Amino acid sequence: MLKLLDRYARHLGDQDGQLVLCGVQPSLARLLQRSGIADRLGDGGIVPATPELLGGLEEAWVAARERTSRPPHQESDMR
């Protein structure tokens, strides 16, 4: 699975895209760090899990927008 994530992140990067993982549990985040994939994903590429269902989704959305230099989203953009 790690190889698949790494390959996909590399593929997206080759096309000027970026992968953002949302809802990542601490154990997986540590594994991504050790494997070097976290470095490939960069700042905001890993959004931790939260106690609320889909709690990290807003954070991931904001991070993705910032990484692509788009203006901040309006509430209606998420729908």
PDB file of N, CA and C in Angstrom:
ATOM      1  N   MET A   1       0.817  -1.183   0.000  1.00  0.00           N
ATOM      2  CA  MET A   1       0.000   0.000   0.000  1.00  0.00           C
ATOM      3  C   MET A   1       0.870   1.259   0.000  1.00  0.00           C
ATOM      4  N   LEU A   2       1.960   1.224   0.768  1.00  0.00           N
ATOM      5  CA  LEU A   2       2.859   2.382   0.801  1.00  0.00           C
ATOM      6  C   LEU A   2       3.456   2.666  -0.573  1.00  0.00           C
ATOM      7  N   LYS A   3       3.832   1.621  -1.265  1.00  0.00           N
ATOM      8  CA  LYS A   3       4.377   1.810  -2.615  1.00  0.00           C
ATOM      9  C   LYS A   3       3.337   2.422  -3.536  1.00  0.00           C
ATOM     10  N   LEU A   4       2.100   1.976  -3.399  1.00  0.00           N
ATOM     11  CA  LEU A   4       1.020   2.530  -4.214  1.00  0.00           C
ATOM     12  C   LEU A   4       0.813   4.017  -3.922  1.00  0.00           C
ATOM     13  N   LEU A   5       0.774   4.386  -2.635  1.00  0.00           N
ATOM     14  CA  LEU A   5       0.628   5.797  -2.265  1.00  0.00           C
ATOM     15  C   LEU A   5       1.795   6.625  -2.792  1.00  0.00           C
ATOM     16  N   ASP A   6       2.988   6.102  -2.638  1.00  0.00           N
ATOM     17  CA  ASP A   6       4.163   6.825  -3.108  1.00  0.00           C
ATOM     18  C   ASP A   6       4.128   7.005  -4.620  1.00  0.00           C
ATOM     19  N   ARG A   7       3.779   5.957  -5.324  1.00  0.00           N
ATOM     20  CA  ARG A   7       3.707   6.024  -6.791  1.00  0.00           C
ATOM     21  C   ARG A   7       2.633   7.014  -7.237  1.00  0.00           C
ATOM     22  N   TYR A   8       1.487   7.001  -6.557  1.00  0.00           N
ATOM     23  CA  TYR A   8       0.396   7.905  -6.913  1.00  0.00           C
ATOM     24  C   TYR A   8       0.771   9.359  -6.611  1.00  0.00           C
ATOM     25  N   ALA A   9       1.409   9.594  -5.470  1.00  0.00           N
ATOM     26  CA  ALA A   9       1.850  10.950  -5.127  1.00  0.00           C
ATOM     27  C   ALA A   9       2.868  11.446  -6.150  1.00  0.00           C
ATOM     28  N   ARG A  10       3.770  10.582  -6.558  1.00  0.00           N
ATOM     29  CA  ARG A  10       4.761  10.940  -7.576  1.00  0.00           C
ATOM     30  C   ARG A  10       4.077  11.238  -8.910  1.00  0.00           C
ATOM     31  N   HIS A  11       3.123  10.402  -9.285  1.00  0.00           N
ATOM     32  CA  HIS A  11       2.375  10.593 -10.535  1.00  0.00           C
ATOM     33  C   HIS A  11       1.641  11.939 -10.522  1.00  0.00           C
ATOM     34  N   LEU A  12       0.964  12.241  -9.425  1.00  0.00           N
ATOM     35  CA  LEU A  12       0.266  13.523  -9.323  1.00  0.00           C
ATOM     36  C   LEU A  12       1.250  14.690  -9.392  1.00  0.00           C
ATOM     37  N   GLY A  13       2.389  14.547  -8.718  1.00  0.00           N
ATOM     38  CA  GLY A  13       3.409  15.592  -8.742  1.00  0.00           C
ATOM     39  C   GLY A  13       3.942  15.835 -10.142  1.00  0.00           C
ATOM     40  N   ASP A  14       4.087  14.770 -10.914  1.00  0.00           N
ATOM     41  CA  ASP A  14       4.555  14.911 -12.300  1.00  0.00           C
ATOM     42  C   ASP A  14       3.559  15.692 -13.149  1.00  0.00           C
ATOM     43  N   GLN A  15       2.304  15.721 -12.725  1.00  0.00           N
ATOM     44  CA  GLN A  15       1.254  16.437 -13.451  1.00  0.00           C
ATOM     45  C   GLN A  15       0.859  17.724 -12.726  1.00  0.00           C
ATOM     46  N   ASP A  16       1.766  18.232 -11.889  1.00  0.00           N
ATOM     47  CA  ASP A  16       1.534  19.448 -11.090  1.00  0.00           C
ATOM     48  C   ASP A  16       0.357  19.310 -10.135  1.00  0.00           C
ATOM     49  N   GLY A  17       0.067  18.102  -9.705  1.00  0.00           N
ATOM     50  CA  GLY A  17      -0.968  17.856  -8.706  1.00  0.00           C
ATOM     51  C   GLY A  17      -0.319  17.460  -7.398  1.00  0.00           C
ATOM     52  N   GLN A  18      -1.120  17.397  -6.354  1.00  0.00           N
ATOM     53  CA  GLN A  18      -0.611  16.997  -5.050  1.00  0.00           C
ATOM     54  C   GLN A  18      -1.652  16.151  -4.340  1.00  0.00           C
ATOM     55  N   LEU A  19      -1.180  15.164  -3.626  1.00  0.00           N
ATOM     56  CA  LEU A  19      -2.037  14.272  -2.861  1.00  0.00           C
ATOM     57  C   LEU A  19      -2.145  14.773  -1.423  1.00  0.00           C
ATOM     58  N   VAL A  20      -3.369  14.824  -0.900  1.00  0.00           N
ATOM     59  CA  VAL A  20      -3.608  15.169   0.498  1.00  0.00           C
ATOM     60  C   VAL A  20      -4.360  13.994   1.122  1.00  0.00           C
ATOM     61  N   LEU A  21      -3.792  13.419   2.168  1.00  0.00           N
ATOM     62  CA  LEU A  21      -4.431  12.321   2.884  1.00  0.00           C
ATOM     63  C   LEU A  21      -5.154  12.891   4.090  1.00  0.00           C
ATOM     64  N   CYS A  22      -6.413  12.569   4.217  1.00  0.00           N
ATOM     65  CA  CYS A  22      -7.258  13.126   5.278  1.00  0.00           C
ATOM     66  C   CYS A  22      -7.705  12.012   6.226  1.00  0.00           C
ATOM     67  N   GLY A  23      -7.739  12.324   7.522  1.00  0.00           N
ATOM     68  CA  GLY A  23      -8.205  11.358   8.503  1.00  0.00           C
ATOM     69  C   GLY A  23      -7.167  10.316   8.851  1.00  0.00           C
ATOM     70  N   VAL A  24      -5.910  10.709   8.823  1.00  0.00           N
ATOM     71  CA  VAL A  24      -4.801   9.781   9.047  1.00  0.00           C
ATOM     72  C   VAL A  24      -4.611   9.530  10.550  1.00  0.00           C
ATOM     73  N   GLN A  25      -4.630   8.273  10.928  1.00  0.00           N
ATOM     74  CA  GLN A  25      -4.396   7.863  12.309  1.00  0.00           C
ATOM     75  C   GLN A  25      -2.914   8.052  12.650  1.00  0.00           C
ATOM     76  N   PRO A  26      -2.596   8.282  13.922  1.00  0.00           N
ATOM     77  CA  PRO A  26      -1.196   8.519  14.317  1.00  0.00           C
ATOM     78  C   PRO A  26      -0.236   7.396  13.893  1.00  0.00           C
ATOM     79  N   SER A  27      -0.651   6.164  13.985  1.00  0.00           N
ATOM     80  CA  SER A  27       0.249   5.060  13.612  1.00  0.00           C
ATOM     81  C   SER A  27       0.585   5.104  12.120  1.00  0.00           C
ATOM     82  N   LEU A  28      -0.382   5.442  11.297  1.00  0.00           N
ATOM     83  CA  LEU A  28      -0.122   5.557   9.866  1.00  0.00           C
ATOM     84  C   LEU A  28       0.747   6.777   9.578  1.00  0.00           C
ATOM     85  N   ALA A  29       0.511   7.873  10.280  1.00  0.00           N
ATOM     86  CA  ALA A  29       1.334   9.075  10.099  1.00  0.00           C
ATOM     87  C   ALA A  29       2.801   8.765  10.401  1.00  0.00           C
ATOM     88  N   ARG A  30       3.051   8.005  11.471  1.00  0.00           N
ATOM     89  CA  ARG A  30       4.431   7.617  11.804  1.00  0.00           C
ATOM     90  C   ARG A  30       5.034   6.757  10.696  1.00  0.00           C
ATOM     91  N   LEU A  31       4.260   5.827  10.169  1.00  0.00           N
ATOM     92  CA  LEU A  31       4.732   4.968   9.090  1.00  0.00           C
ATOM     93  C   LEU A  31       5.042   5.790   7.838  1.00  0.00           C
ATOM     94  N   LEU A  32       4.189   6.753   7.528  1.00  0.00           N
ATOM     95  CA  LEU A  32       4.423   7.628   6.377  1.00  0.00           C
ATOM     96  C   LEU A  32       5.691   8.457   6.576  1.00  0.00           C
ATOM     97  N   GLN A  33       5.949   8.880   7.809  1.00  0.00           N
ATOM     98  CA  GLN A  33       7.178   9.616   8.109  1.00  0.00           C
ATOM     99  C   GLN A  33       8.401   8.726   7.895  1.00  0.00           C
ATOM    100  N   ARG A  34       8.363   7.534   8.474  1.00  0.00           N
ATOM    101  CA  ARG A  34       9.513   6.623   8.381  1.00  0.00           C
ATOM    102  C   ARG A  34       9.800   6.219   6.940  1.00  0.00           C
ATOM    103  N   SER A  35       8.764   6.092   6.133  1.00  0.00           N
ATOM    104  CA  SER A  35       8.947   5.642   4.752  1.00  0.00           C
ATOM    105  C   SER A  35       9.381   6.767   3.818  1.00  0.00           C
ATOM    106  N   GLY A  36       9.286   8.021   4.275  1.00  0.00           N
ATOM    107  CA  GLY A  36       9.652   9.148   3.425  1.00  0.00           C
ATOM    108  C   GLY A  36       8.498   9.706   2.609  1.00  0.00           C
ATOM    109  N   ILE A  37       7.362   9.036   2.655  1.00  0.00           N
ATOM    110  CA  ILE A  37       6.209   9.495   1.882  1.00  0.00           C
ATOM    111  C   ILE A  37       5.694  10.828   2.411  1.00  0.00           C
ATOM    112  N   ALA A  38       5.773  11.040   3.707  1.00  0.00           N
ATOM    113  CA  ALA A  38       5.323  12.310   4.285  1.00  0.00           C
ATOM    114  C   ALA A  38       6.104  13.474   3.686  1.00  0.00           C
ATOM    115  N   ASP A  39       7.401  13.280   3.456  1.00  0.00           N
ATOM    116  CA  ASP A  39       8.208  14.331   2.836  1.00  0.00           C
ATOM    117  C   ASP A  39       7.739  14.615   1.412  1.00  0.00           C
ATOM    118  N   ARG A  40       7.389  13.564   0.687  1.00  0.00           N
ATOM    119  CA  ARG A  40       6.903  13.741  -0.681  1.00  0.00           C
ATOM    120  C   ARG A  40       5.569  14.496  -0.677  1.00  0.00           C
ATOM    121  N   LEU A  41       4.717  14.219   0.307  1.00  0.00           N
ATOM    122  CA  LEU A  41       3.419  14.885   0.376  1.00  0.00           C
ATOM    123  C   LEU A  41       3.565  16.340   0.801  1.00  0.00           C
ATOM    124  N   GLY A  42       4.581  16.659   1.589  1.00  0.00           N
ATOM    125  CA  GLY A  42       4.848  18.034   1.985  1.00  0.00           C
ATOM    126  C   GLY A  42       3.922  18.533   3.078  1.00  0.00           C
ATOM    127  N   ASP A  43       4.093  19.819   3.416  1.00  0.00           N
ATOM    128  CA  ASP A  43       3.271  20.446   4.444  1.00  0.00           C
ATOM    129  C   ASP A  43       1.800  20.411   4.040  1.00  0.00           C
ATOM    130  N   GLY A  44       0.959  20.000   4.950  1.00  0.00           N
ATOM    131  CA  GLY A  44      -0.474  19.928   4.669  1.00  0.00           C
ATOM    132  C   GLY A  44      -0.886  18.698   3.895  1.00  0.00           C
ATOM    133  N   GLY A  45       0.057  17.829   3.580  1.00  0.00           N
ATOM    134  CA  GLY A  45      -0.254  16.629   2.808  1.00  0.00           C
ATOM    135  C   GLY A  45      -0.841  15.504   3.640  1.00  0.00           C
ATOM    136  N   ILE A  46      -0.680  15.607   4.951  1.00  0.00           N
ATOM    137  CA  ILE A  46      -1.245  14.616   5.867  1.00  0.00           C
ATOM    138  C   ILE A  46      -2.080  15.362   6.894  1.00  0.00           C
ATOM    139  N   VAL A  47      -3.367  15.094   6.888  1.00  0.00           N
ATOM    140  CA  VAL A  47      -4.293  15.725   7.830  1.00  0.00           C
ATOM    141  C   VAL A  47      -4.713  14.664   8.842  1.00  0.00           C
ATOM    142  N   PRO A  48      -4.435  14.902  10.117  1.00  0.00           N
ATOM    143  CA  PRO A  48      -4.743  13.891  11.129  1.00  0.00           C
ATOM    144  C   PRO A  48      -6.238  13.623  11.288  1.00  0.00           C
ATOM    145  N   ALA A  49      -6.529  12.438  11.763  1.00  0.00           N
ATOM    146  CA  ALA A  49      -7.909  12.081  12.100  1.00  0.00           C
ATOM    147  C   ALA A  49      -8.356  12.915  13.295  1.00  0.00           C
ATOM    148  N   THR A  50      -9.649  13.152  13.383  1.00  0.00           N
ATOM    149  CA  THR A  50     -10.227  13.872  14.514  1.00  0.00           C
ATOM    150  C   THR A  50     -11.334  13.016  15.109  1.00  0.00           C
ATOM    151  N   PRO A  51     -11.746  13.322  16.329  1.00  0.00           N
ATOM    152  CA  PRO A  51     -12.818  12.541  16.939  1.00  0.00           C
ATOM    153  C   PRO A  51     -14.154  12.667  16.190  1.00  0.00           C
ATOM    154  N   GLU A  52     -14.347  13.791  15.509  1.00  0.00           N
ATOM    155  CA  GLU A  52     -15.593  14.003  14.780  1.00  0.00           C
ATOM    156  C   GLU A  52     -15.534  13.316  13.418  1.00  0.00           C
ATOM    157  N   LEU A  53     -16.651  12.776  12.996  1.00  0.00           N
ATOM    158  CA  LEU A  53     -16.733  12.164  11.678  1.00  0.00           C
ATOM    159  C   LEU A  53     -16.426  13.220  10.630  1.00  0.00           C
ATOM    160  N   LEU A  54     -15.494  12.942   9.761  1.00  0.00           N
ATOM    161  CA  LEU A  54     -15.053  13.856   8.703  1.00  0.00           C
ATOM    162  C   LEU A  54     -14.515  15.170   9.250  1.00  0.00           C
ATOM    163  N   GLY A  55     -14.072  15.167  10.508  1.00  0.00           N
ATOM    164  CA  GLY A  55     -13.580  16.382  11.139  1.00  0.00           C
ATOM    165  C   GLY A  55     -12.374  16.985  10.444  1.00  0.00           C
ATOM    166  N   GLY A  56     -11.526  16.164   9.859  1.00  0.00           N
ATOM    167  CA  GLY A  56     -10.346  16.684   9.179  1.00  0.00           C
ATOM    168  C   GLY A  56     -10.603  17.137   7.763  1.00  0.00           C
ATOM    169  N   LEU A  57     -11.810  16.925   7.272  1.00  0.00           N
ATOM    170  CA  LEU A  57     -12.098  17.257   5.882  1.00  0.00           C
ATOM    171  C   LEU A  57     -11.942  18.746   5.603  1.00  0.00           C
ATOM    172  N   GLU A  58     -12.440  19.585   6.481  1.00  0.00           N
ATOM    173  CA  GLU A  58     -12.308  21.036   6.286  1.00  0.00           C
ATOM    174  C   GLU A  58     -10.842  21.439   6.275  1.00  0.00           C
ATOM    175  N   GLU A  59     -10.073  20.887   7.200  1.00  0.00           N
ATOM    176  CA  GLU A  59      -8.647  21.197   7.249  1.00  0.00           C
ATOM    177  C   GLU A  59      -7.951  20.745   5.967  1.00  0.00           C
ATOM    178  N   ALA A  60      -8.308  19.560   5.478  1.00  0.00           N
ATOM    179  CA  ALA A  60      -7.717  19.055   4.235  1.00  0.00           C
ATOM    180  C   ALA A  60      -8.100  19.935   3.057  1.00  0.00           C
ATOM    181  N   TRP A  61      -9.336  20.382   3.028  1.00  0.00           N
ATOM    182  CA  TRP A  61      -9.817  21.245   1.940  1.00  0.00           C
ATOM    183  C   TRP A  61      -9.028  22.559   1.927  1.00  0.00           C
ATOM    184  N   VAL A  62      -8.854  23.157   3.086  1.00  0.00           N
ATOM    185  CA  VAL A  62      -8.112  24.414   3.189  1.00  0.00           C
ATOM    186  C   VAL A  62      -6.663  24.193   2.779  1.00  0.00           C
ATOM    187  N   ALA A  63      -6.054  23.110   3.253  1.00  0.00           N
ATOM    188  CA  ALA A  63      -4.662  22.813   2.904  1.00  0.00           C
ATOM    189  C   ALA A  63      -4.503  22.620   1.402  1.00  0.00           C
ATOM    190  N   ALA A  64      -5.429  21.908   0.801  1.00  0.00           N
ATOM    191  CA  ALA A  64      -5.356  21.671  -0.643  1.00  0.00           C
ATOM    192  C   ALA A  64      -5.486  22.982  -1.407  1.00  0.00           C
ATOM    193  N   ARG A  65      -6.389  23.841  -0.980  1.00  0.00           N
ATOM    194  CA  ARG A  65      -6.563  25.137  -1.648  1.00  0.00           C
ATOM    195  C   ARG A  65      -5.299  25.982  -1.519  1.00  0.00           C
ATOM    196  N   GLU A  66      -4.696  25.988  -0.324  1.00  0.00           N
ATOM    197  CA  GLU A  66      -3.479  26.774  -0.113  1.00  0.00           C
ATOM    198  C   GLU A  66      -2.340  26.243  -0.967  1.00  0.00           C
ATOM    199  N   ARG A  67      -2.260  24.934  -1.079  1.00  0.00           N
ATOM    200  CA  ARG A  67      -1.172  24.318  -1.848  1.00  0.00           C
ATOM    201  C   ARG A  67      -1.304  24.573  -3.330  1.00  0.00           C
ATOM    202  N   THR A  68      -2.506  24.811  -3.781  1.00  0.00           N
ATOM    203  CA  THR A  68      -2.699  25.065  -5.208  1.00  0.00           C
ATOM    204  C   THR A  68      -2.847  26.550  -5.495  1.00  0.00           C
ATOM    205  N   SER A  69      -2.619  27.378  -4.478  1.00  0.00           N
ATOM    206  CA  SER A  69      -2.663  28.835  -4.603  1.00  0.00           C
ATOM    207  C   SER A  69      -4.004  29.362  -5.089  1.00  0.00           C
ATOM    208  N   ARG A  70      -5.055  28.681  -4.776  1.00  0.00           N
ATOM    209  CA  ARG A  70      -6.392  29.164  -5.108  1.00  0.00           C
ATOM    210  C   ARG A  70      -6.880  30.046  -3.976  1.00  0.00           C
ATOM    211  N   PRO A  71      -7.773  30.970  -4.268  1.00  0.00           N
ATOM    212  CA  PRO A  71      -8.312  31.796  -3.193  1.00  0.00           C
ATOM    213  C   PRO A  71      -9.110  30.935  -2.220  1.00  0.00           C
ATOM    214  N   PRO A  72      -9.229  31.380  -0.965  1.00  0.00           N
ATOM    215  CA  PRO A  72     -10.002  30.615   0.021  1.00  0.00           C
ATOM    216  C   PRO A  72     -11.411  30.338  -0.483  1.00  0.00           C
ATOM    217  N   HIS A  73     -11.923  29.159  -0.148  1.00  0.00           N
ATOM    218  CA  HIS A  73     -13.243  28.745  -0.626  1.00  0.00           C
ATOM    219  C   HIS A  73     -14.365  29.463   0.109  1.00  0.00           C
ATOM    220  N   GLN A  74     -15.434  29.568  -0.557  1.00  0.00           N
ATOM    221  CA  GLN A  74     -16.675  30.038   0.058  1.00  0.00           C
ATOM    222  C   GLN A  74     -17.418  28.816   0.552  1.00  0.00           C
ATOM    223  N   GLU A  75     -18.333  29.000   1.464  1.00  0.00           N
ATOM    224  CA  GLU A  75     -19.103  27.884   2.031  1.00  0.00           C
ATOM    225  C   GLU A  75     -19.750  27.065   0.933  1.00  0.00           C
ATOM    226  N   SER A  76     -20.208  27.691  -0.137  1.00  0.00           N
ATOM    227  CA  SER A  76     -20.918  26.976  -1.201  1.00  0.00           C
ATOM    228  C   SER A  76     -19.988  26.114  -2.055  1.00  0.00           C
ATOM    229  N   ASP A  77     -18.654  26.346  -1.988  1.00  0.00           N
ATOM    230  CA  ASP A  77     -17.706  25.557  -2.776  1.00  0.00           C
ATOM    231  C   ASP A  77     -17.659  24.093  -2.351  1.00  0.00           C
ATOM    232  N   MET A  78     -17.982  23.815  -1.097  1.00  0.00           N
ATOM    233  CA  MET A  78     -17.894  22.451  -0.593  1.00  0.00           C
ATOM    234  C   MET A  78     -19.107  21.628  -0.998  1.00  0.00           C
ATOM    235  N   ARG A  79     -20.122  22.241  -1.521  1.00  0.00           N
ATOM    236  CA  ARG A  79     -21.344  21.495  -1.843  1.00  0.00           C
ATOM    237  C   ARG A  79     -21.446  21.165  -3.283  1.00  0.00           C
TER     238      ARG A  79
END
